[in-house]
Protein backbone atom coordinates (compact mmCIF):
# COMPACT_ATOMS: atom_id res chain seq x y z
CA UNK A 1 105.51 153.94 61.87
CA UNK A 2 108.13 152.06 63.82
CA UNK A 3 108.23 148.39 62.99
CA UNK A 4 108.17 145.83 65.75
CA UNK A 5 111.32 143.79 66.10
CA UNK A 6 111.10 140.27 64.78
CA UNK A 7 112.35 137.44 66.93
CA UNK A 8 113.77 134.61 64.78
CA UNK A 9 111.88 131.36 65.19
CA UNK A 10 113.93 128.76 67.03
CA UNK A 11 114.49 125.74 64.83
CA UNK A 12 113.96 123.63 67.94
CA UNK A 13 110.76 125.38 69.01
CA UNK A 14 108.69 123.15 71.23
CA UNK A 15 111.68 121.28 72.64
CA UNK A 16 113.05 121.60 76.16
CA UNK A 17 115.05 124.73 76.98
CA UNK A 18 117.15 125.31 80.11
CA UNK A 19 115.46 127.00 83.03
CA UNK A 20 117.20 128.82 85.87
CA UNK A 21 115.96 126.65 88.73
CA UNK A 22 117.76 128.82 91.29
CA UNK A 23 114.87 131.27 90.96
CA UNK A 24 112.36 128.68 92.12
CA UNK A 25 111.45 127.46 95.56
CA UNK A 26 113.46 124.36 96.44
CA UNK A 27 111.84 121.33 98.06
CA UNK A 28 113.20 120.06 101.34
CA UNK A 29 114.50 117.04 99.37
CA UNK A 30 114.24 115.61 95.88
CA UNK A 31 111.81 112.79 95.30
CA UNK A 32 113.23 109.28 95.61
CA UNK A 33 113.62 107.37 92.34
CA UNK A 34 112.07 103.93 92.70
CA UNK A 35 112.98 100.90 90.63
CA UNK A 36 110.19 98.93 89.04
CA UNK A 37 109.15 96.23 91.49
CA UNK A 38 110.94 92.94 90.92
CA UNK A 39 108.89 90.01 89.62
CA UNK A 40 110.53 88.00 92.41
CA UNK A 41 109.29 90.35 95.13
CA UNK A 42 106.63 89.10 97.52
CA UNK A 43 103.20 90.71 97.40
CA UNK A 44 103.91 92.37 100.75
CA UNK A 45 107.13 93.87 99.36
CA UNK A 46 105.35 95.10 96.24
CA UNK A 47 102.54 96.74 98.21
CA UNK A 48 104.98 98.40 100.61
CA UNK A 49 106.94 99.87 97.70
CA UNK A 50 103.74 101.21 96.13
CA UNK A 51 102.53 102.63 99.46
CA UNK A 52 105.80 104.41 100.12
CA UNK A 53 106.11 105.70 96.57
CA UNK A 54 102.55 107.05 96.63
CA UNK A 55 103.24 109.03 99.80
CA UNK A 56 106.50 110.38 98.34
CA UNK A 57 104.68 111.42 95.16
CA UNK A 58 102.07 113.32 97.15
CA UNK A 59 104.75 114.85 99.35
CA UNK A 60 106.66 116.24 96.39
CA UNK A 61 103.47 117.12 94.53
CA UNK A 62 102.16 119.55 97.11
CA UNK A 63 105.57 121.24 97.32
CA UNK A 64 105.54 121.69 93.54
CA UNK A 65 102.06 123.22 93.51
CA UNK A 66 102.90 125.43 96.48
CA UNK A 67 106.03 126.74 94.75
CA UNK A 68 104.35 127.24 91.38
CA UNK A 69 101.25 128.76 93.00
CA UNK A 70 99.04 126.81 90.62
CA UNK A 71 97.82 123.28 90.11
CA UNK A 72 94.99 120.84 90.71
CA UNK A 73 96.28 119.15 93.83
CA UNK A 74 93.02 117.54 94.99
CA UNK A 75 92.48 115.48 91.84
CA UNK A 76 96.20 114.80 91.59
CA UNK A 77 96.17 113.22 95.03
CA UNK A 78 93.15 111.05 94.15
CA UNK A 79 94.95 109.44 91.16
CA UNK A 80 98.43 109.14 92.69
CA UNK A 81 97.89 105.55 93.85
CA UNK A 82 96.71 104.43 90.41
CA UNK A 83 99.59 106.15 88.59
CA UNK A 84 102.21 104.74 90.96
CA UNK A 85 100.77 101.24 90.65
CA UNK A 86 100.82 101.47 86.86
CA UNK A 87 104.34 102.81 86.43
CA UNK A 88 106.06 100.76 89.13
CA UNK A 89 104.24 97.46 88.81
CA UNK A 90 101.99 97.12 85.75
CA UNK A 91 103.00 98.93 82.58
CA UNK A 92 105.39 97.26 80.18
CA UNK A 93 107.32 100.48 79.62
CA UNK A 94 110.71 101.78 80.67
CA UNK A 95 112.74 104.94 80.06
CA UNK A 96 114.83 102.93 77.59
CA UNK A 97 111.73 101.79 75.67
CA UNK A 98 110.43 105.34 75.50
CA UNK A 99 113.77 106.69 74.31
CA UNK A 100 113.99 104.02 71.62
CA UNK A 101 110.35 104.46 70.58
CA UNK A 102 109.66 100.77 71.16
CA UNK A 103 106.37 100.12 69.30
CA UNK A 104 105.41 97.31 71.68
CA UNK A 105 105.57 99.40 74.86
CA UNK A 106 102.35 99.84 76.82
CA UNK A 107 100.71 103.25 76.48
CA UNK A 108 99.13 105.45 79.15
CA UNK A 109 96.96 108.47 78.38
CA UNK A 110 96.10 110.90 81.19
CA UNK A 111 92.75 112.15 79.96
CA UNK A 112 92.26 114.41 82.99
CA UNK A 113 95.25 116.43 81.82
CA UNK A 114 94.79 119.12 84.47
CA UNK A 115 96.29 116.58 86.90
CA UNK A 116 99.58 116.82 85.00
CA UNK A 117 101.67 117.44 88.12
CA UNK A 118 100.80 113.98 89.45
CA UNK A 119 101.91 112.40 86.18
CA UNK A 120 105.17 114.38 86.12
CA UNK A 121 105.93 113.48 89.73
CA UNK A 122 105.31 109.78 89.11
CA UNK A 123 107.45 109.93 85.95
CA UNK A 124 110.25 111.39 88.07
CA UNK A 125 109.78 108.72 90.76
CA UNK A 126 109.93 106.03 88.07
CA UNK A 127 113.05 107.43 86.39
CA UNK A 128 111.51 108.79 83.18
CA UNK A 129 112.44 112.42 83.91
CA UNK A 130 114.90 114.07 86.27
CA UNK A 131 113.61 114.78 89.79
CA UNK A 132 115.17 118.26 89.45
CA UNK A 133 112.84 118.97 86.51
CA UNK A 134 109.92 119.12 88.94
CA UNK A 135 111.28 122.45 90.18
CA UNK A 136 110.41 123.97 86.79
CA UNK A 137 106.68 123.14 86.80
CA UNK A 138 104.73 125.88 84.97
CA UNK A 139 107.82 128.05 84.58
CA UNK A 140 108.72 129.78 81.28
CA UNK A 141 110.27 127.37 78.76
CA UNK A 142 109.78 124.39 81.07
CA UNK A 143 108.86 121.03 79.62
CA UNK A 144 106.35 120.63 82.46
CA UNK A 145 103.29 122.48 81.21
CA UNK A 146 100.00 122.74 83.06
CA UNK A 147 98.75 119.98 80.77
CA UNK A 148 100.92 117.15 79.42
CA UNK A 149 102.52 117.74 76.03
CA UNK A 150 104.16 114.91 74.11
CA UNK A 151 106.52 117.24 72.26
CA UNK A 152 107.89 118.31 75.63
CA UNK A 153 108.14 115.01 77.52
CA UNK A 154 108.83 111.82 75.58
CA UNK A 155 107.08 109.64 78.15
CA UNK A 156 103.82 111.53 77.57
CA UNK A 157 101.85 109.58 74.97
CA UNK A 158 99.22 112.22 74.11
CA UNK A 159 98.55 115.91 74.62
CA UNK A 160 95.56 116.23 76.93
CA UNK A 161 93.64 119.01 78.60
CA UNK A 162 90.32 119.47 76.83
CA UNK A 163 88.20 116.96 78.72
CA UNK A 164 86.60 114.09 76.86
CA UNK A 165 89.50 113.64 74.43
CA UNK A 166 91.75 111.13 76.20
CA UNK A 167 89.49 108.10 75.87
CA UNK A 168 88.89 108.61 72.13
CA UNK A 169 92.67 108.91 71.66
CA UNK A 170 93.22 105.72 73.67
CA UNK A 171 90.61 103.88 71.57
CA UNK A 172 92.54 104.90 68.46
CA UNK A 173 95.78 103.67 70.03
CA UNK A 174 94.17 100.34 70.92
CA UNK A 175 92.87 99.91 67.36
CA UNK A 176 96.36 100.71 66.05
CA UNK A 177 97.81 98.05 68.35
CA UNK A 178 95.45 95.46 66.91
CA UNK A 179 96.34 96.47 63.34
CA UNK A 180 100.02 96.15 64.27
CA UNK A 181 99.46 92.69 65.70
CA UNK A 182 101.02 93.92 68.95
CA UNK A 183 100.36 92.61 72.47
CA UNK A 184 100.77 96.09 73.96
CA UNK A 185 98.03 97.40 76.22
CA UNK A 186 96.60 100.91 76.26
CA UNK A 187 95.56 102.48 79.56
CA UNK A 188 93.63 105.72 80.03
CA UNK A 189 92.84 107.61 83.26
CA UNK A 190 89.71 109.75 83.27
CA UNK A 191 88.00 112.08 85.70
CA UNK A 192 84.39 111.29 86.57
CA UNK A 193 83.35 114.85 85.73
CA UNK A 194 84.59 114.46 82.18
CA UNK A 195 82.35 111.43 81.66
CA UNK A 196 79.64 114.04 81.10
CA UNK A 197 81.27 114.69 77.71
CA UNK A 198 79.49 112.98 74.83
CA UNK A 199 82.75 112.16 73.04
CA UNK A 200 83.53 109.68 75.79
CA UNK A 201 80.30 107.76 75.19
CA UNK A 202 81.00 107.54 71.48
CA UNK A 203 84.43 106.14 72.34
CA UNK A 204 82.96 103.70 74.87
CA UNK A 205 80.51 102.42 72.26
CA UNK A 206 83.26 102.05 69.65
CA UNK A 207 85.60 100.18 72.02
CA UNK A 208 82.83 97.82 73.12
CA UNK A 209 81.63 97.06 69.63
CA UNK A 210 85.19 96.38 68.43
CA UNK A 211 86.04 94.20 71.46
CA UNK A 212 89.24 96.12 72.19
CA UNK A 213 90.34 93.68 74.88
CA UNK A 214 93.76 95.31 75.34
CA UNK A 215 92.22 98.65 76.30
CA UNK A 216 91.90 99.50 80.02
CA UNK A 217 90.11 102.62 81.26
CA UNK A 218 90.10 103.82 84.86
CA UNK A 219 87.83 106.57 86.12
CA UNK A 220 88.84 108.57 89.16
CA UNK A 221 85.46 108.38 90.87
CA UNK A 222 86.03 111.04 93.52
CA UNK A 223 82.48 112.37 92.93
CA UNK A 224 83.64 116.00 92.74
CA UNK A 225 84.38 118.33 89.85
CA UNK A 226 85.18 122.00 89.63
CA UNK A 227 82.84 123.83 92.00
CA UNK A 228 80.30 121.07 92.58
CA UNK A 229 79.52 117.43 93.10
CA UNK A 230 79.32 115.43 89.88
CA UNK A 231 75.83 114.22 90.80
CA UNK A 232 74.61 117.82 91.17
CA UNK A 233 75.87 118.66 87.70
CA UNK A 234 74.88 115.60 85.65
CA UNK A 235 74.44 112.35 87.56
CA UNK A 236 76.38 109.42 86.08
CA UNK A 237 74.64 106.62 87.95
CA UNK A 238 74.05 103.79 87.40
CA UNK A 239 77.54 104.07 85.91
CA UNK A 240 78.58 100.40 86.06
CA UNK A 241 75.34 99.28 84.39
CA UNK A 242 75.77 101.84 81.62
CA UNK A 243 79.34 100.73 80.94
CA UNK A 244 78.33 97.07 80.81
CA UNK A 245 75.55 97.96 78.38
CA UNK A 246 78.21 99.52 76.14
CA UNK A 247 80.10 96.23 76.02
CA UNK A 248 82.76 96.67 78.71
CA UNK A 249 83.99 94.39 81.49
CA UNK A 250 83.51 96.49 84.64
CA UNK A 251 85.39 96.31 87.95
CA UNK A 252 84.85 98.49 91.02
CA UNK A 253 87.73 98.99 93.45
CA UNK A 254 88.97 101.19 96.25
CA UNK A 255 91.20 103.55 94.27
CA UNK A 256 93.55 103.98 97.23
CA UNK A 257 94.06 100.23 97.76
CA UNK A 258 97.22 99.27 95.87
CA UNK A 259 96.45 95.58 96.06
CA UNK A 260 92.98 96.04 94.59
CA UNK A 261 94.36 98.29 91.85
CA UNK A 262 97.12 95.82 91.05
CA UNK A 263 94.66 92.94 90.72
CA UNK A 264 92.28 94.98 88.58
CA UNK A 265 94.99 96.12 86.16
CA UNK A 266 96.46 92.65 85.85
CA UNK A 267 93.04 91.15 85.03
CA UNK A 268 93.23 92.75 81.57
CA UNK A 269 92.80 91.57 78.93
CA UNK A 270 89.59 90.06 80.28
CA UNK A 271 88.73 86.47 79.42
CA UNK A 272 85.48 87.77 77.91
CA UNK A 273 87.42 89.60 75.20
CA UNK A 274 85.85 92.90 76.23
CA UNK A 275 87.70 96.11 77.08
CA UNK A 276 88.11 96.64 80.83
CA UNK A 277 86.72 99.62 82.72
CA UNK A 278 87.83 100.16 86.33
CA UNK A 279 85.69 102.40 88.52
CA UNK A 280 88.16 103.53 91.20
CA UNK A 281 86.34 104.97 94.19
CA UNK A 282 88.58 107.71 95.59
CA UNK A 283 88.56 110.86 97.69
CA UNK A 284 89.75 114.14 96.28
CA UNK A 285 92.77 115.28 98.30
CA UNK A 286 93.38 111.86 99.91
CA UNK A 287 94.83 111.45 102.54
CA UNK A 288 95.42 115.03 103.77
CA UNK A 289 92.87 115.95 106.44
CA UNK A 290 91.98 119.50 105.36
CA UNK A 291 91.85 118.55 101.69
CA UNK A 292 90.12 115.17 101.65
CA UNK A 293 86.70 115.08 99.96
CA UNK A 294 86.64 118.89 99.79
CA UNK A 295 85.47 120.36 96.48
CA UNK A 296 87.41 123.57 97.12
CA UNK A 297 90.63 121.66 96.43
CA UNK A 298 89.85 120.98 92.80
CA UNK A 299 91.92 124.01 91.87
CA UNK A 300 93.36 125.72 94.94
CA UNK A 301 96.88 126.63 96.00
CA UNK A 302 98.00 125.64 99.52
CA UNK A 303 99.54 128.27 101.75
CA UNK A 304 103.05 127.63 103.09
CA UNK A 305 101.45 126.61 106.37
CA UNK A 306 99.15 124.16 104.60
CA UNK A 307 102.10 122.68 102.71
CA UNK A 308 103.87 122.16 106.03
CA UNK A 309 100.81 120.53 107.58
CA UNK A 310 100.39 118.20 104.59
CA UNK A 311 104.05 117.17 104.77
CA UNK A 312 103.71 116.44 108.48
CA UNK A 313 100.62 114.28 107.89
CA UNK A 314 102.24 112.39 105.00
CA UNK A 315 105.43 111.82 106.98
CA UNK A 316 103.40 110.53 109.91
CA UNK A 317 101.68 108.01 107.65
CA UNK A 318 105.04 106.90 106.29
CA UNK A 319 106.57 106.50 109.72
CA UNK A 320 103.58 104.82 111.35
CA UNK A 321 103.71 101.92 108.88
CA UNK A 322 107.46 101.56 109.17
CA UNK A 323 107.28 101.64 112.96
CA UNK A 324 104.55 99.00 112.97
CA UNK A 325 106.76 96.70 110.95
């Protein structure tokens, strides 16, 4: 019997390998890299930076999914505003802190790991990874997997994908922060569909009972999950009342309003000493007309024509604000 050839194991297995990006579809332009907003900037300047960055993230995101022919663009668009607000205006974290492994940096866990492309695109816009790396999304040996992997991207704090795991991980991180005597905050972004997982409710109870005041959870309340409305699968309401009963400070905001998101994030730690839970009311696919609030876009690949239409709509939104000013 002929023996199969053995491929030697790479000593650096799991690390980033070069990818021939010339084989991949190129975007019309690379995403702009934004500096963290200055503490001296006016609120109007901060909000304009966040608005522009969020549109750029969506613009590049749909090109990435279109080129890779895979992704979860609808749910990625619904959390883009929250991610941009966190990385450009809220989180105490920088590429230098990540590289140095600064123990006092803020942590962010993307529990809805299937929305990885949104996280990668925001990391590129905030300078944590190269914009050119976005061209390798889902390609062989790329660091940009379909779900975030911390052994691939240093700025990723936890491997996520199986739903219901991100919040328990974040609770553990918040407990570790308290044991370290650190002022760092831990943030976690969840999908509303994954709140049907029992592991989340165990984590919610633990965080509330331990008064993890430096823990902030945000749920992307777009009301849709794969193939159905959340309410048709397992209704979460009255969600805010349930969360308060579990010992959390609860805020409800428009998840596409950067000002409301900024205020909600900056309210933590709450004066009550409770962990903070933000219910962000969003629309899947926001703000693209054919995608918005459409369950089909949980996991669907846009055609080249749809990519073009989305880019035109996003550019029009960008230009209309600038023209008005």
